[in-house]
Amino acid sequence: MPDKPVRGPASYFPSIEKTYGRPIAEWQDIVRQNYPAKHMKLVAVLKNEHGMGHGHANAIVAYTLKQDKDA
């Protein structure tokens, strides 16, 4: 049975790793180091301090917040 295509924020992960040269786990660590903060503040950290584009930053933050909420 073929695998279902990755959807949602995780669909950006291969591009993020290729573009910025770091694994997603490292980006998630950066997000978590800036807790507690609201979604857009966390996006701003990735954009302003690490030069990440808005879509990529938003995908990492959304995925990380959901993962931590569901844990």
PDB file of N, CA and C in Angstrom:
ATOM      1  N   MET A   1       0.841  -1.175   0.000  1.00  0.00           N
ATOM      2  CA  MET A   1       0.000   0.000   0.000  1.00  0.00           C
ATOM      3  C   MET A   1       0.896   1.252   0.000  1.00  0.00           C
ATOM      4  N   PRO A   2       0.696   2.181  -0.932  1.00  0.00           N
ATOM      5  CA  PRO A   2       1.548   3.363  -1.005  1.00  0.00           C
ATOM      6  C   PRO A   2       1.320   4.284   0.197  1.00  0.00           C
ATOM      7  N   ASP A   3       2.424   4.956   0.578  1.00  0.00           N
ATOM      8  CA  ASP A   3       2.323   5.919   1.678  1.00  0.00           C
ATOM      9  C   ASP A   3       1.505   7.125   1.238  1.00  0.00           C
ATOM     10  N   LYS A   4       0.752   7.686   2.201  1.00  0.00           N
ATOM     11  CA  LYS A   4      -0.004   8.905   1.915  1.00  0.00           C
ATOM     12  C   LYS A   4       0.973  10.075   1.863  1.00  0.00           C
ATOM     13  N   PRO A   5       0.738  11.023   0.983  1.00  0.00           N
ATOM     14  CA  PRO A   5       1.638  12.176   0.938  1.00  0.00           C
ATOM     15  C   PRO A   5       1.556  12.973   2.245  1.00  0.00           C
ATOM     16  N   VAL A   6       2.682  13.542   2.623  1.00  0.00           N
ATOM     17  CA  VAL A   6       2.734  14.368   3.827  1.00  0.00           C
ATOM     18  C   VAL A   6       1.993  15.664   3.540  1.00  0.00           C
ATOM     19  N   ARG A   7       1.141  16.051   4.483  1.00  0.00           N
ATOM     20  CA  ARG A   7       0.362  17.280   4.322  1.00  0.00           C
ATOM     21  C   ARG A   7       0.585  18.180   5.525  1.00  0.00           C
ATOM     22  N   GLY A   8       0.111  19.394   5.423  1.00  0.00           N
ATOM     23  CA  GLY A   8       0.203  20.332   6.523  1.00  0.00           C
ATOM     24  C   GLY A   8       1.621  20.848   6.710  1.00  0.00           C
ATOM     25  N   PRO A   9       1.914  21.368   7.902  1.00  0.00           N
ATOM     26  CA  PRO A   9       3.226  21.978   8.147  1.00  0.00           C
ATOM     27  C   PRO A   9       4.400  21.052   7.851  1.00  0.00           C
ATOM     28  N   ALA A  10       4.265  19.767   8.133  1.00  0.00           N
ATOM     29  CA  ALA A  10       5.378  18.834   7.922  1.00  0.00           C
ATOM     30  C   ALA A  10       5.774  18.718   6.451  1.00  0.00           C
ATOM     31  N   SER A  11       4.890  19.105   5.548  1.00  0.00           N
ATOM     32  CA  SER A  11       5.224  19.033   4.121  1.00  0.00           C
ATOM     33  C   SER A  11       6.355  20.000   3.760  1.00  0.00           C
ATOM     34  N   TYR A  12       6.585  21.001   4.595  1.00  0.00           N
ATOM     35  CA  TYR A  12       7.654  21.971   4.371  1.00  0.00           C
ATOM     36  C   TYR A  12       9.014  21.469   4.869  1.00  0.00           C
ATOM     37  N   PHE A  13       9.037  20.441   5.695  1.00  0.00           N
ATOM     38  CA  PHE A  13      10.264  20.052   6.388  1.00  0.00           C
ATOM     39  C   PHE A  13      11.437  19.713   5.481  1.00  0.00           C
ATOM     40  N   PRO A  14      11.267  18.940   4.405  1.00  0.00           N
ATOM     41  CA  PRO A  14      12.433  18.669   3.541  1.00  0.00           C
ATOM     42  C   PRO A  14      13.041  19.957   2.969  1.00  0.00           C
ATOM     43  N   SER A  15      12.193  20.876   2.562  1.00  0.00           N
ATOM     44  CA  SER A  15      12.672  22.142   2.012  1.00  0.00           C
ATOM     45  C   SER A  15      13.374  22.983   3.080  1.00  0.00           C
ATOM     46  N   ILE A  16      12.833  22.992   4.294  1.00  0.00           N
ATOM     47  CA  ILE A  16      13.437  23.758   5.387  1.00  0.00           C
ATOM     48  C   ILE A  16      14.832  23.210   5.690  1.00  0.00           C
ATOM     49  N   GLU A  17      14.945  21.898   5.813  1.00  0.00           N
ATOM     50  CA  GLU A  17      16.244  21.303   6.114  1.00  0.00           C
ATOM     51  C   GLU A  17      17.259  21.580   5.004  1.00  0.00           C
ATOM     52  N   LYS A  18      16.826  21.500   3.762  1.00  0.00           N
ATOM     53  CA  LYS A  18      17.721  21.763   2.638  1.00  0.00           C
ATOM     54  C   LYS A  18      18.119  23.236   2.574  1.00  0.00           C
ATOM     55  N   THR A  19      17.163  24.117   2.767  1.00  0.00           N
ATOM     56  CA  THR A  19      17.422  25.548   2.628  1.00  0.00           C
ATOM     57  C   THR A  19      18.285  26.100   3.753  1.00  0.00           C
ATOM     58  N   TYR A  20      18.026  25.667   4.990  1.00  0.00           N
ATOM     59  CA  TYR A  20      18.691  26.270   6.143  1.00  0.00           C
ATOM     60  C   TYR A  20      19.756  25.379   6.778  1.00  0.00           C
ATOM     61  N   GLY A  21      19.909  24.146   6.292  1.00  0.00           N
ATOM     62  CA  GLY A  21      21.005  23.292   6.698  1.00  0.00           C
ATOM     63  C   GLY A  21      20.977  22.768   8.123  1.00  0.00           C
ATOM     64  N   ARG A  22      19.813  22.759   8.724  1.00  0.00           N
ATOM     65  CA  ARG A  22      19.673  22.230  10.080  1.00  0.00           C
ATOM     66  C   ARG A  22      18.474  21.301  10.120  1.00  0.00           C
ATOM     67  N   PRO A  23      18.554  20.260  10.949  1.00  0.00           N
ATOM     68  CA  PRO A  23      17.399  19.360  11.071  1.00  0.00           C
ATOM     69  C   PRO A  23      16.237  20.039  11.792  1.00  0.00           C
ATOM     70  N   ILE A  24      15.051  19.563  11.534  1.00  0.00           N
ATOM     71  CA  ILE A  24      13.841  20.136  12.123  1.00  0.00           C
ATOM     72  C   ILE A  24      13.918  20.113  13.646  1.00  0.00           C
ATOM     73  N   ALA A  25      14.493  19.081  14.219  1.00  0.00           N
ATOM     74  CA  ALA A  25      14.600  18.990  15.684  1.00  0.00           C
ATOM     75  C   ALA A  25      15.338  20.203  16.262  1.00  0.00           C
ATOM     76  N   GLU A  26      16.357  20.699  15.568  1.00  0.00           N
ATOM     77  CA  GLU A  26      17.082  21.885  16.050  1.00  0.00           C
ATOM     78  C   GLU A  26      16.191  23.122  16.008  1.00  0.00           C
ATOM     79  N   TRP A  27      15.408  23.248  14.950  1.00  0.00           N
ATOM     80  CA  TRP A  27      14.495  24.390  14.853  1.00  0.00           C
ATOM     81  C   TRP A  27      13.431  24.308  15.942  1.00  0.00           C
ATOM     82  N   GLN A  28      12.963  23.108  16.211  1.00  0.00           N
ATOM     83  CA  GLN A  28      11.975  22.940  17.277  1.00  0.00           C
ATOM     84  C   GLN A  28      12.586  23.299  18.631  1.00  0.00           C
ATOM     85  N   ASP A  29      13.841  22.960  18.847  1.00  0.00           N
ATOM     86  CA  ASP A  29      14.512  23.336  20.094  1.00  0.00           C
ATOM     87  C   ASP A  29      14.554  24.850  20.253  1.00  0.00           C
ATOM     88  N   ILE A  30      14.830  25.552  19.170  1.00  0.00           N
ATOM     89  CA  ILE A  30      14.862  27.022  19.217  1.00  0.00           C
ATOM     90  C   ILE A  30      13.487  27.559  19.589  1.00  0.00           C
ATOM     91  N   VAL A  31      12.455  27.008  18.982  1.00  0.00           N
ATOM     92  CA  VAL A  31      11.086  27.438  19.308  1.00  0.00           C
ATOM     93  C   VAL A  31      10.822  27.210  20.797  1.00  0.00           C
ATOM     94  N   ARG A  32      11.145  26.031  21.284  1.00  0.00           N
ATOM     95  CA  ARG A  32      10.863  25.686  22.682  1.00  0.00           C
ATOM     96  C   ARG A  32      11.676  26.525  23.664  1.00  0.00           C
ATOM     97  N   GLN A  33      12.861  26.949  23.270  1.00  0.00           N
ATOM     98  CA  GLN A  33      13.681  27.802  24.129  1.00  0.00           C
ATOM     99  C   GLN A  33      13.037  29.178  24.318  1.00  0.00           C
ATOM    100  N   ASN A  34      12.119  29.530  23.443  1.00  0.00           N
ATOM    101  CA  ASN A  34      11.465  30.832  23.516  1.00  0.00           C
ATOM    102  C   ASN A  34      10.069  30.763  24.119  1.00  0.00           C
ATOM    103  N   TYR A  35       9.692  29.618  24.667  1.00  0.00           N
ATOM    104  CA  TYR A  35       8.433  29.498  25.415  1.00  0.00           C
ATOM    105  C   TYR A  35       8.575  30.277  26.711  1.00  0.00           C
ATOM    106  N   PRO A  36       7.522  30.750  27.307  1.00  0.00           N
ATOM    107  CA  PRO A  36       6.192  30.856  26.715  1.00  0.00           C
ATOM    108  C   PRO A  36       6.119  32.092  25.824  1.00  0.00           C
ATOM    109  N   ALA A  37       5.537  31.942  24.705  1.00  0.00           N
ATOM    110  CA  ALA A  37       5.327  33.056  23.778  1.00  0.00           C
ATOM    111  C   ALA A  37       4.198  32.663  22.833  1.00  0.00           C
ATOM    112  N   LYS A  38       3.573  33.670  22.266  1.00  0.00           N
ATOM    113  CA  LYS A  38       2.498  33.426  21.310  1.00  0.00           C
ATOM    114  C   LYS A  38       3.073  33.017  19.962  1.00  0.00           C
ATOM    115  N   HIS A  39       2.223  32.414  19.177  1.00  0.00           N
ATOM    116  CA  HIS A  39       2.600  31.881  17.871  1.00  0.00           C
ATOM    117  C   HIS A  39       3.408  32.886  17.043  1.00  0.00           C
ATOM    118  N   MET A  40       2.885  34.067  16.839  1.00  0.00           N
ATOM    119  CA  MET A  40       3.544  35.030  15.959  1.00  0.00           C
ATOM    120  C   MET A  40       4.868  35.540  16.534  1.00  0.00           C
ATOM    121  N   LYS A  41       5.001  35.581  17.837  1.00  0.00           N
ATOM    122  CA  LYS A  41       6.283  35.950  18.454  1.00  0.00           C
ATOM    123  C   LYS A  41       7.325  34.886  18.130  1.00  0.00           C
ATOM    124  N   LEU A  42       6.925  33.620  18.197  1.00  0.00           N
ATOM    125  CA  LEU A  42       7.838  32.527  17.878  1.00  0.00           C
ATOM    126  C   LEU A  42       8.228  32.549  16.397  1.00  0.00           C
ATOM    127  N   VAL A  43       7.277  32.855  15.544  1.00  0.00           N
ATOM    128  CA  VAL A  43       7.567  33.001  14.111  1.00  0.00           C
ATOM    129  C   VAL A  43       8.576  34.131  13.909  1.00  0.00           C
ATOM    130  N   ALA A  44       8.377  35.241  14.606  1.00  0.00           N
ATOM    131  CA  ALA A  44       9.283  36.388  14.482  1.00  0.00           C
ATOM    132  C   ALA A  44      10.703  36.031  14.914  1.00  0.00           C
ATOM    133  N   VAL A  45      10.850  35.208  15.932  1.00  0.00           N
ATOM    134  CA  VAL A  45      12.182  34.789  16.373  1.00  0.00           C
ATOM    135  C   VAL A  45      12.901  34.064  15.237  1.00  0.00           C
ATOM    136  N   LEU A  46      12.228  33.120  14.616  1.00  0.00           N
ATOM    137  CA  LEU A  46      12.851  32.370  13.521  1.00  0.00           C
ATOM    138  C   LEU A  46      13.166  33.272  12.330  1.00  0.00           C
ATOM    139  N   LYS A  47      12.292  34.201  12.042  1.00  0.00           N
ATOM    140  CA  LYS A  47      12.506  35.110  10.920  1.00  0.00           C
ATOM    141  C   LYS A  47      13.618  36.109  11.212  1.00  0.00           C
ATOM    142  N   ASN A  48      13.524  36.790  12.338  1.00  0.00           N
ATOM    143  CA  ASN A  48      14.433  37.897  12.631  1.00  0.00           C
ATOM    144  C   ASN A  48      15.811  37.451  13.113  1.00  0.00           C
ATOM    145  N   GLU A  49      15.865  36.380  13.872  1.00  0.00           N
ATOM    146  CA  GLU A  49      17.144  35.947  14.437  1.00  0.00           C
ATOM    147  C   GLU A  49      17.846  34.876  13.606  1.00  0.00           C
ATOM    148  N   HIS A  50      17.095  34.226  12.707  1.00  0.00           N
ATOM    149  CA  HIS A  50      17.685  33.118  11.951  1.00  0.00           C
ATOM    150  C   HIS A  50      17.471  33.234  10.445  1.00  0.00           C
ATOM    151  N   GLY A  51      16.841  34.317   9.988  1.00  0.00           N
ATOM    152  CA  GLY A  51      16.697  34.573   8.562  1.00  0.00           C
ATOM    153  C   GLY A  51      15.753  33.638   7.824  1.00  0.00           C
ATOM    154  N   MET A  52      14.848  33.032   8.550  1.00  0.00           N
ATOM    155  CA  MET A  52      13.924  32.087   7.940  1.00  0.00           C
ATOM    156  C   MET A  52      12.752  32.838   7.297  1.00  0.00           C
ATOM    157  N   GLY A  53      12.256  32.305   6.199  1.00  0.00           N
ATOM    158  CA  GLY A  53      11.087  32.880   5.555  1.00  0.00           C
ATOM    159  C   GLY A  53       9.837  32.655   6.389  1.00  0.00           C
ATOM    160  N   HIS A  54       8.818  33.467   6.154  1.00  0.00           N
ATOM    161  CA  HIS A  54       7.601  33.408   6.962  1.00  0.00           C
ATOM    162  C   HIS A  54       6.910  32.045   6.894  1.00  0.00           C
ATOM    163  N   GLY A  55       6.741  31.496   5.706  1.00  0.00           N
ATOM    164  CA  GLY A  55       6.047  30.221   5.561  1.00  0.00           C
ATOM    165  C   GLY A  55       6.759  29.090   6.279  1.00  0.00           C
ATOM    166  N   HIS A  56       8.071  29.051   6.154  1.00  0.00           N
ATOM    167  CA  HIS A  56       8.843  28.013   6.828  1.00  0.00           C
ATOM    168  C   HIS A  56       8.788  28.181   8.344  1.00  0.00           C
ATOM    169  N   ALA A  57       8.954  29.405   8.819  1.00  0.00           N
ATOM    170  CA  ALA A  57       8.892  29.663  10.257  1.00  0.00           C
ATOM    171  C   ALA A  57       7.514  29.307  10.806  1.00  0.00           C
ATOM    172  N   ASN A  58       6.489  29.698  10.104  1.00  0.00           N
ATOM    173  CA  ASN A  58       5.126  29.414  10.538  1.00  0.00           C
ATOM    174  C   ASN A  58       4.875  27.905  10.603  1.00  0.00           C
ATOM    175  N   ALA A  59       5.385  27.163   9.634  1.00  0.00           N
ATOM    176  CA  ALA A  59       5.199  25.715   9.621  1.00  0.00           C
ATOM    177  C   ALA A  59       5.862  25.053  10.830  1.00  0.00           C
ATOM    178  N   ILE A  60       7.071  25.457  11.145  1.00  0.00           N
ATOM    179  CA  ILE A  60       7.776  24.870  12.292  1.00  0.00           C
ATOM    180  C   ILE A  60       7.066  25.206  13.589  1.00  0.00           C
ATOM    181  N   VAL A  61       6.669  26.461  13.753  1.00  0.00           N
ATOM    182  CA  VAL A  61       5.985  26.869  14.983  1.00  0.00           C
ATOM    183  C   VAL A  61       4.659  26.135  15.124  1.00  0.00           C
ATOM    184  N   ALA A  62       3.860  26.093  14.073  1.00  0.00           N
ATOM    185  CA  ALA A  62       2.556  25.425  14.141  1.00  0.00           C
ATOM    186  C   ALA A  62       2.721  23.950  14.496  1.00  0.00           C
ATOM    187  N   TYR A  63       3.652  23.286  13.850  1.00  0.00           N
ATOM    188  CA  TYR A  63       3.870  21.862  14.097  1.00  0.00           C
ATOM    189  C   TYR A  63       4.351  21.634  15.536  1.00  0.00           C
ATOM    190  N   THR A  64       5.282  22.457  15.996  1.00  0.00           N
ATOM    191  CA  THR A  64       5.844  22.297  17.336  1.00  0.00           C
ATOM    192  C   THR A  64       4.797  22.566  18.409  1.00  0.00           C
ATOM    193  N   LEU A  65       4.034  23.628  18.252  1.00  0.00           N
ATOM    194  CA  LEU A  65       2.991  23.935  19.238  1.00  0.00           C
ATOM    195  C   LEU A  65       1.955  22.821  19.307  1.00  0.00           C
ATOM    196  N   LYS A  66       1.545  22.294  18.150  1.00  0.00           N
ATOM    197  CA  LYS A  66       0.571  21.203  18.147  1.00  0.00           C
ATOM    198  C   LYS A  66       1.158  19.956  18.786  1.00  0.00           C
ATOM    199  N   GLN A  67       2.388  19.644  18.460  1.00  0.00           N
ATOM    200  CA  GLN A  67       3.045  18.473  19.017  1.00  0.00           C
ATOM    201  C   GLN A  67       3.120  18.577  20.550  1.00  0.00           C
ATOM    202  N   ASP A  68       3.469  19.741  21.049  1.00  0.00           N
ATOM    203  CA  ASP A  68       3.603  19.920  22.499  1.00  0.00           C
ATOM    204  C   ASP A  68       2.242  19.940  23.185  1.00  0.00           C
ATOM    205  N   LYS A  69       1.242  20.468  22.508  1.00  0.00           N
ATOM    206  CA  LYS A  69      -0.110  20.495  23.066  1.00  0.00           C
ATOM    207  C   LYS A  69      -0.672  19.085  23.196  1.00  0.00           C
ATOM    208  N   ASP A  70      -0.387  18.238  22.197  1.00  0.00           N
ATOM    209  CA  ASP A  70      -0.909  16.876  22.168  1.00  0.00           C
ATOM    210  C   ASP A  70      -0.112  15.912  23.046  1.00  0.00           C
ATOM    211  N   ALA A  71       1.043  16.356  23.538  1.00  0.00           N
ATOM    212  CA  ALA A  71       1.906  15.467  24.328  1.00  0.00           C
ATOM    213  C   ALA A  71       1.367  15.224  25.724  1.00  0.00           C
TER     214      ALA A  71
END
